[in-house]
Amino acid sequence: MKVVSLKFSDFRNLKDNIIYPGEDINIIYGDNAQGKTNLLEAIWMFSGGHSFRGAKENELTKFGSKTSKIEMNFFSQEREQKASIMFSGNKRRVEINSVLKPSSAYLSQCFAAVVFSPEHLALVKNGPSLRRKFIDGAICQQNIKFAVLLSKFNKTLFQRNALLKEMYKHPELKDTLCIWDDSIIAVATEIVYKRIEYINKLNIIAAEYHKGISSGKEEFSIDYVSNAGILLTDGKKEIQEKLYFAFEKYIKEDIKLACTNCGPHRDDLEFYINGMKAKNFGSQGQQRSIVLSLKLAEAKMLKDYFSESPVVLLDDVLSEIDRSRQEFLLENTRGCQTFITGCEPPLKQGESIKIFTIEKGEVK
């Protein structure tokens, strides 16, 4: 996959422009707070997800403007295609090859990207929500139906929690809880099953990358952590049975706290190096090696799925890792169109690169 052109108007702080990236490595450099990450964010939006920085829709439009628009021509699936996204308040209008789509999730069927940001370097140490966001986002790029499942689960979870809050005043409502349990467990089972399916593949590929980074000295593995006792070896039937048992187990606590204490929204990932928890015992360098392994594995799985390499977005991460890890990352993303932001060009001369500078939102 290759970005052929990117046009933006009233998007973030970027001044209206159209750029034509190179096919290999693209360097975007300038001082902090000039708009480098905004440029990568514009590209990332075409992968079908939301902002990788967690921005709301109305934050993507330049202050003082009512709408913003980004347009991209890209090469994918053996042909050149085009897509556009228009933001208006909390709404967006998506077109792919001049055909209006009901959701931006459809973009993931024709364009894929992998983003590395400083936030990801804290994936091991930070809280479980970031790890859930990582795994769910990766699955969504391969499976448009997974995004629908997540949306359905969140709506059902909201309704079940609302019922739990009402039980304090109306205890008789407890008799209706089983209806919501059946509904939420059905969706939760599908979500957890898809996560486990993805993690089992990720485990194999990420372990190989980590072996390369550590020169064969370390073994890396991932485990799925669930208060329902779900294992990576469980099938769909086992997952559903364990969720039913856990929901029954936590019912008193759910009513007391007025929230649902079991399910995919509470699950986590645990990372191990040589059998020891990386969160507790891994050095900073080892933790960053884990993130590189995970992200490279994500890119490899996207390449296998689409039969072509995804676009790679490196948002100011090279300055955060040492030279050996820089070289490993760049070597293993060779062949992908890559966008790298930083305060100065980090690569050696002689590389096939195109350089963009950015100052106060103006890209040159």
Protein backbone atom coordinates (compact mmCIF):
# COMPACT_ATOMS: atom_id res chain seq x y z
CA MET A 1 0.00 0.00 0.00
CA LYS A 2 1.22 3.47 -0.86
CA VAL A 3 -0.14 6.95 -0.21
CA VAL A 4 0.02 8.77 -3.55
CA SER A 5 -1.32 12.13 -2.37
CA LEU A 6 -2.83 13.64 0.75
CA LYS A 7 -4.97 16.77 0.70
CA PHE A 8 -6.23 18.54 3.81
CA SER A 9 -8.35 21.59 4.46
CA ASP A 10 -9.17 23.06 7.89
CA PHE A 11 -7.81 19.88 9.52
CA ARG A 12 -6.29 20.54 12.94
CA ASN A 13 -3.67 23.31 12.68
CA LEU A 14 -2.52 22.29 9.18
CA LYS A 15 -2.67 24.96 6.51
CA ASP A 16 -4.66 23.87 3.46
CA ASN A 17 -2.36 21.92 1.17
CA ILE A 18 -1.78 18.79 -0.87
CA ILE A 19 1.38 16.71 -0.53
CA TYR A 20 2.84 13.91 -2.65
CA PRO A 21 4.80 11.45 -0.47
CA GLY A 22 7.68 9.33 -1.71
CA GLU A 23 7.18 5.60 -2.14
CA ASP A 24 9.72 4.60 0.51
CA ILE A 25 10.73 6.76 3.48
CA ASN A 26 9.21 10.15 4.21
CA ILE A 27 10.69 12.39 6.89
CA ILE A 28 8.50 15.11 8.43
CA TYR A 29 10.52 17.32 10.71
CA GLY A 30 10.18 20.58 12.58
CA ASP A 31 10.00 21.93 16.10
CA ASN A 32 7.48 20.66 18.63
CA ALA A 33 3.81 21.70 18.34
CA GLN A 34 4.09 22.59 14.64
CA GLY A 35 1.71 19.90 13.33
CA LYS A 36 3.89 16.85 12.61
CA THR A 37 1.63 14.42 14.46
CA ASN A 38 -1.46 16.03 12.92
CA LEU A 39 -0.13 15.05 9.49
CA LEU A 40 0.31 11.41 10.56
CA GLU A 41 -3.11 11.50 12.18
CA ALA A 42 -4.66 12.54 8.85
CA ILE A 43 -3.15 9.47 7.18
CA TRP A 44 -4.15 7.20 10.06
CA MET A 45 -7.81 8.25 9.81
CA PHE A 46 -8.01 6.41 6.47
CA SER A 47 -7.28 3.10 8.19
CA GLY A 48 -10.85 3.20 9.47
CA GLY A 49 -10.17 3.98 13.11
CA HIS A 50 -10.52 7.01 15.28
CA SER A 51 -7.67 9.32 16.22
CA PHE A 52 -4.73 7.35 17.66
CA ARG A 53 -4.45 10.18 20.20
CA GLY A 54 -8.02 9.71 21.38
CA ALA A 55 -9.25 13.02 19.96
CA LYS A 56 -12.97 13.59 19.56
CA GLU A 57 -14.47 14.29 16.14
CA ASN A 58 -15.02 18.00 16.81
CA GLU A 59 -11.37 18.41 17.82
CA LEU A 60 -10.19 17.47 14.33
CA THR A 61 -11.53 20.66 12.75
CA LYS A 62 -9.48 23.85 12.84
CA PHE A 63 -10.64 26.32 15.49
CA GLY A 64 -13.16 28.71 13.98
CA SER A 65 -14.13 26.38 11.10
CA LYS A 66 -17.37 24.40 10.95
CA THR A 67 -16.05 21.58 8.77
CA SER A 68 -12.76 20.00 7.77
CA LYS A 69 -11.86 17.55 5.04
CA ILE A 70 -9.05 15.17 4.24
CA GLU A 71 -8.66 13.39 0.90
CA MET A 72 -6.22 10.67 -0.06
CA ASN A 73 -5.26 8.94 -3.28
CA PHE A 74 -3.57 5.63 -2.55
CA PHE A 75 -2.42 2.47 -4.29
CA SER A 76 -3.97 -0.69 -2.86
CA GLN A 77 -5.37 -3.98 -4.13
CA GLU A 78 -3.42 -3.54 -7.40
CA ARG A 79 -5.07 -0.24 -8.35
CA GLU A 80 -5.12 3.42 -7.44
CA GLN A 81 -8.05 4.39 -5.24
CA LYS A 82 -9.31 7.54 -3.55
CA ALA A 83 -11.09 8.27 -0.31
CA SER A 84 -12.30 11.34 1.53
CA ILE A 85 -13.47 12.09 5.07
CA MET A 86 -15.39 15.23 5.96
CA PHE A 87 -15.76 16.17 9.63
CA SER A 88 -18.64 18.32 10.79
CA GLY A 89 -19.05 18.61 14.54
CA ASN A 90 -19.31 15.07 15.88
CA LYS A 91 -20.19 13.59 12.49
CA ARG A 92 -18.13 12.41 9.57
CA ARG A 93 -18.96 11.73 5.93
CA VAL A 94 -16.90 9.00 4.25
CA GLU A 95 -16.53 8.30 0.55
CA ILE A 96 -14.47 5.56 -1.07
CA ASN A 97 -13.99 5.84 -4.83
CA SER A 98 -16.84 8.42 -4.89
CA VAL A 99 -19.24 6.00 -3.16
CA LEU A 100 -20.75 7.17 0.13
CA LYS A 101 -20.18 4.71 3.00
CA PRO A 102 -22.24 4.42 6.20
CA SER A 103 -19.16 4.18 8.41
CA SER A 104 -15.45 4.95 8.33
CA ALA A 105 -14.86 1.31 9.31
CA TYR A 106 -15.25 0.46 5.62
CA LEU A 107 -11.95 2.24 4.96
CA SER A 108 -10.14 -0.63 6.69
CA GLN A 109 -11.17 -2.94 3.85
CA CYS A 110 -8.94 -1.14 1.37
CA PHE A 111 -6.26 0.71 3.39
CA ALA A 112 -4.18 -0.30 6.40
CA ALA A 113 -1.58 1.45 8.53
CA VAL A 114 0.40 0.72 11.67
CA VAL A 115 1.26 3.61 13.98
CA PHE A 116 4.07 3.76 16.56
CA SER A 117 3.73 6.65 19.00
CA PRO A 118 5.40 7.53 22.31
CA GLU A 119 2.19 6.42 24.04
CA HIS A 120 2.75 2.88 22.73
CA LEU A 121 6.18 2.73 24.37
CA ALA A 122 4.31 2.69 27.69
CA LEU A 123 2.12 -0.23 26.59
CA VAL A 124 3.72 -2.63 29.08
CA LYS A 125 3.74 -0.33 32.10
CA ASN A 126 0.50 1.60 31.67
CA GLY A 127 -2.99 0.46 32.62
CA PRO A 128 -5.02 -2.28 30.91
CA SER A 129 -7.18 0.11 28.87
CA LEU A 130 -4.22 0.93 26.59
CA ARG A 131 -3.53 -2.78 26.00
CA ARG A 132 -7.21 -3.45 25.24
CA LYS A 133 -7.18 -0.51 22.83
CA PHE A 134 -4.10 -1.94 21.11
CA ILE A 135 -5.50 -5.43 20.60
CA ASP A 136 -9.00 -4.27 19.63
CA GLY A 137 -7.65 -1.70 17.19
CA ALA A 138 -5.42 -4.29 15.53
CA ILE A 139 -8.32 -6.73 15.11
CA CYS A 140 -10.63 -4.03 13.71
CA GLN A 141 -8.22 -3.40 10.83
CA GLN A 142 -8.65 -7.01 9.73
CA ASN A 143 -12.28 -7.56 10.68
CA ILE A 144 -14.87 -4.82 10.10
CA LYS A 145 -17.48 -6.88 12.02
CA PHE A 146 -15.36 -6.70 15.18
CA ALA A 147 -15.93 -2.93 15.39
CA VAL A 148 -19.67 -3.61 15.23
CA LEU A 149 -19.34 -6.16 18.04
CA LEU A 150 -17.48 -3.66 20.25
CA SER A 151 -20.12 -1.02 19.63
CA LYS A 152 -22.93 -3.44 20.44
CA PHE A 153 -21.16 -4.60 23.61
CA ASN A 154 -20.62 -1.03 24.86
CA LYS A 155 -24.29 -0.15 24.32
CA THR A 156 -25.46 -3.29 26.14
CA LEU A 157 -22.95 -2.68 28.93
CA PHE A 158 -24.28 0.87 29.37
CA GLN A 159 -27.85 -0.45 29.62
CA ARG A 160 -26.92 -3.18 32.11
CA ASN A 161 -25.04 -0.67 34.28
CA ALA A 162 -28.03 1.69 34.16
CA LEU A 163 -30.23 -1.16 35.41
CA LEU A 164 -27.77 -1.94 38.23
CA LYS A 165 -27.92 1.69 39.37
CA GLU A 166 -31.73 1.57 39.47
CA MET A 167 -31.70 -1.58 41.61
CA TYR A 168 -30.64 0.47 44.63
CA LYS A 169 -34.08 2.09 44.60
CA HIS A 170 -35.99 -0.76 42.98
CA PRO A 171 -34.65 -4.19 44.12
CA GLU A 172 -37.44 -5.94 42.22
CA LEU A 173 -35.61 -5.11 38.97
CA LYS A 174 -33.12 -7.87 39.76
CA ASP A 175 -35.48 -10.36 38.11
CA THR A 176 -34.89 -8.65 34.74
CA LEU A 177 -31.10 -8.78 35.01
CA CYS A 178 -30.84 -12.25 33.47
CA ILE A 179 -32.23 -10.87 30.20
CA TRP A 180 -29.37 -8.41 29.93
CA ASP A 181 -26.89 -11.08 31.01
CA ASP A 182 -27.87 -13.34 28.12
CA SER A 183 -27.49 -10.45 25.68
CA ILE A 184 -24.17 -9.13 26.96
CA ILE A 185 -22.57 -12.59 27.37
CA ALA A 186 -23.45 -13.53 23.79
CA VAL A 187 -21.56 -10.50 22.45
CA ALA A 188 -18.76 -10.78 25.03
CA THR A 189 -18.14 -14.38 23.98
CA GLU A 190 -17.59 -13.33 20.37
CA ILE A 191 -15.25 -10.48 21.37
CA VAL A 192 -13.10 -12.63 23.66
CA TYR A 193 -12.97 -15.45 21.11
CA LYS A 194 -11.73 -13.06 18.40
CA ARG A 195 -9.16 -11.59 20.79
CA ILE A 196 -7.81 -15.02 21.70
CA GLU A 197 -7.70 -16.05 18.06
CA TYR A 198 -5.65 -12.95 17.24
CA ILE A 199 -3.37 -13.20 20.30
CA ASN A 200 -2.46 -16.82 19.52
CA LYS A 201 -1.19 -15.72 16.09
CA LEU A 202 0.43 -12.58 17.50
CA ASN A 203 2.25 -14.66 20.11
CA ILE A 204 4.12 -16.66 17.48
CA ILE A 205 5.14 -13.74 15.27
CA ALA A 206 6.01 -11.29 18.07
CA ALA A 207 8.17 -13.95 19.74
CA GLU A 208 10.25 -14.24 16.55
CA TYR A 209 10.76 -10.49 16.31
CA HIS A 210 11.71 -10.30 19.99
CA LYS A 211 14.21 -13.10 19.51
CA GLY A 212 15.80 -11.00 16.76
CA ILE A 213 15.94 -7.85 18.88
CA SER A 214 17.48 -9.71 21.82
CA SER A 215 19.89 -11.71 19.61
CA GLY A 216 18.21 -14.92 20.73
CA LYS A 217 18.77 -14.26 24.45
CA GLU A 218 15.14 -13.73 25.44
CA GLU A 219 11.86 -15.58 24.96
CA PHE A 220 8.75 -13.44 24.76
CA SER A 221 5.14 -14.51 25.28
CA ILE A 222 1.68 -13.00 25.79
CA ASP A 223 -1.08 -14.23 28.08
CA TYR A 224 -4.74 -13.23 28.27
CA VAL A 225 -5.86 -12.14 31.74
CA SER A 226 -9.55 -12.44 32.61
CA ASN A 227 -11.34 -12.52 35.95
CA ALA A 228 -13.56 -15.16 34.34
CA GLY A 229 -10.56 -17.49 34.18
CA ILE A 230 -10.52 -17.62 30.37
CA LEU A 231 -7.43 -19.23 28.81
CA LEU A 232 -5.79 -18.88 25.39
CA THR A 233 -6.63 -22.54 24.76
CA ASP A 234 -10.38 -22.06 25.32
CA GLY A 235 -12.88 -22.44 22.50
CA LYS A 236 -16.09 -20.45 22.11
CA LYS A 237 -18.13 -22.87 24.23
CA GLU A 238 -15.67 -22.75 27.14
CA ILE A 239 -15.54 -18.96 26.98
CA GLN A 240 -19.31 -18.64 27.14
CA GLU A 241 -19.60 -21.10 30.05
CA LYS A 242 -16.90 -19.29 32.04
CA LEU A 243 -18.56 -15.91 31.42
CA TYR A 244 -21.92 -17.18 32.68
CA PHE A 245 -20.24 -18.57 35.81
CA ALA A 246 -18.34 -15.30 36.40
CA PHE A 247 -21.42 -13.10 35.94
CA GLU A 248 -23.24 -15.20 38.54
CA LYS A 249 -20.22 -15.02 40.85
CA TYR A 250 -19.96 -11.23 40.66
CA ILE A 251 -23.69 -10.44 40.84
CA LYS A 252 -23.61 -9.21 44.46
CA GLU A 253 -20.59 -7.02 43.79
CA ASP A 254 -22.20 -5.69 40.59
CA ILE A 255 -25.32 -4.63 42.48
CA LYS A 256 -23.31 -3.15 45.34
CA LEU A 257 -21.03 -1.10 43.05
CA ALA A 258 -23.68 -0.49 40.37
CA CYS A 259 -21.38 -1.57 37.56
CA THR A 260 -20.44 -4.71 35.63
CA ASN A 261 -17.22 -6.16 37.04
CA CYS A 262 -16.64 -8.99 34.57
CA GLY A 263 -16.29 -9.08 30.80
CA PRO A 264 -14.00 -8.01 27.95
CA HIS A 265 -14.00 -4.40 29.22
CA ARG A 266 -12.12 -5.65 32.31
CA ASP A 267 -9.71 -8.06 30.63
CA ASP A 268 -6.00 -7.44 30.13
CA LEU A 269 -2.83 -8.72 28.47
CA GLU A 270 0.25 -9.85 30.39
CA PHE A 271 3.68 -9.86 28.75
CA TYR A 272 6.47 -12.23 29.78
CA ILE A 273 10.21 -12.33 29.13
CA ASN A 274 11.84 -15.66 29.93
CA GLY A 275 8.77 -16.60 31.95
CA MET A 276 8.82 -13.46 34.15
CA LYS A 277 6.29 -10.63 34.07
CA ALA A 278 7.79 -7.80 32.04
CA LYS A 279 5.66 -5.22 33.85
CA ASN A 280 7.28 -6.07 37.18
CA PHE A 281 10.75 -7.27 36.22
CA GLY A 282 11.52 -6.00 32.72
CA SER A 283 13.95 -3.14 32.21
CA GLN A 284 12.88 -0.08 30.24
CA GLY A 285 14.86 -1.36 27.27
CA GLN A 286 13.16 -4.76 27.44
CA GLN A 287 9.73 -3.17 27.69
CA ARG A 288 10.41 -1.10 24.59
CA SER A 289 11.65 -4.18 22.78
CA ILE A 290 8.31 -5.80 23.56
CA VAL A 291 6.41 -2.89 22.01
CA LEU A 292 8.56 -2.99 18.88
CA SER A 293 7.95 -6.74 18.61
CA LEU A 294 4.20 -6.29 19.00
CA LYS A 295 3.96 -3.51 16.45
CA LEU A 296 6.15 -5.30 13.91
CA ALA A 297 4.04 -8.41 14.41
CA GLU A 298 0.89 -6.33 13.85
CA ALA A 299 2.36 -5.03 10.58
CA LYS A 300 3.31 -8.57 9.50
CA MET A 301 -0.19 -9.86 10.20
CA LEU A 302 -1.70 -7.00 8.18
CA LYS A 303 0.68 -7.79 5.33
CA ASP A 304 -0.36 -11.45 5.41
CA TYR A 305 -4.05 -10.52 5.52
CA PHE A 306 -3.98 -7.97 2.66
CA SER A 307 -1.14 -9.62 0.72
CA GLU A 308 0.60 -6.24 0.65
CA SER A 309 2.51 -4.16 3.17
CA PRO A 310 0.66 -1.60 5.32
CA VAL A 311 1.81 2.01 5.59
CA VAL A 312 3.99 2.56 8.68
CA LEU A 313 3.71 5.74 10.76
CA LEU A 314 6.53 6.45 13.24
CA ASP A 315 5.54 9.40 15.39
CA ASP A 316 8.66 10.66 17.14
CA VAL A 317 9.60 7.23 18.45
CA LEU A 318 13.11 6.92 17.00
CA SER A 319 14.38 9.54 19.45
CA GLU A 320 12.97 7.41 22.29
CA ILE A 321 14.88 4.21 21.48
CA ASP A 322 18.59 3.41 21.22
CA ARG A 323 20.46 3.01 17.93
CA SER A 324 20.31 -0.80 17.80
CA ARG A 325 16.53 -0.78 18.20
CA GLN A 326 16.25 2.05 15.65
CA GLU A 327 18.16 -0.01 13.12
CA PHE A 328 16.12 -3.15 13.86
CA LEU A 329 12.85 -1.25 13.43
CA LEU A 330 13.86 0.42 10.17
CA GLU A 331 15.30 -2.78 8.76
CA ASN A 332 12.10 -4.70 9.50
CA THR A 333 9.83 -2.05 7.99
CA ARG A 334 11.87 -1.93 4.80
CA GLY A 335 9.56 -2.35 1.83
CA CYS A 336 6.75 -0.46 3.58
CA GLN A 337 6.02 3.15 2.75
CA THR A 338 7.09 4.84 5.98
CA PHE A 339 6.41 8.26 7.51
CA ILE A 340 8.76 9.40 10.27
CA THR A 341 8.33 12.54 12.38
CA GLY A 342 11.09 14.13 14.41
CA CYS A 343 12.89 17.34 15.19
CA GLU A 344 15.55 16.55 12.57
CA PRO A 345 16.15 13.92 9.86
CA PRO A 346 17.33 10.80 11.76
CA LEU A 347 18.51 8.69 8.84
CA LYS A 348 21.87 8.31 7.18
CA GLN A 349 22.53 9.96 3.83
CA GLY A 350 21.98 7.77 0.82
CA GLU A 351 18.63 6.40 1.97
CA SER A 352 15.72 6.68 -0.45
CA ILE A 353 13.86 9.43 1.37
CA LYS A 354 11.64 12.42 0.75
CA ILE A 355 11.85 15.22 3.28
CA PHE A 356 9.05 17.53 4.40
CA THR A 357 9.45 20.42 6.81
CA ILE A 358 6.60 21.81 8.85
CA GLU A 359 6.30 25.15 10.62
CA LYS A 360 3.12 26.54 12.16
CA GLY A 361 1.08 23.99 10.24
CA GLU A 362 2.58 24.78 6.86
CA VAL A 363 4.04 21.71 5.14
CA LYS A 364 6.81 22.17 2.58
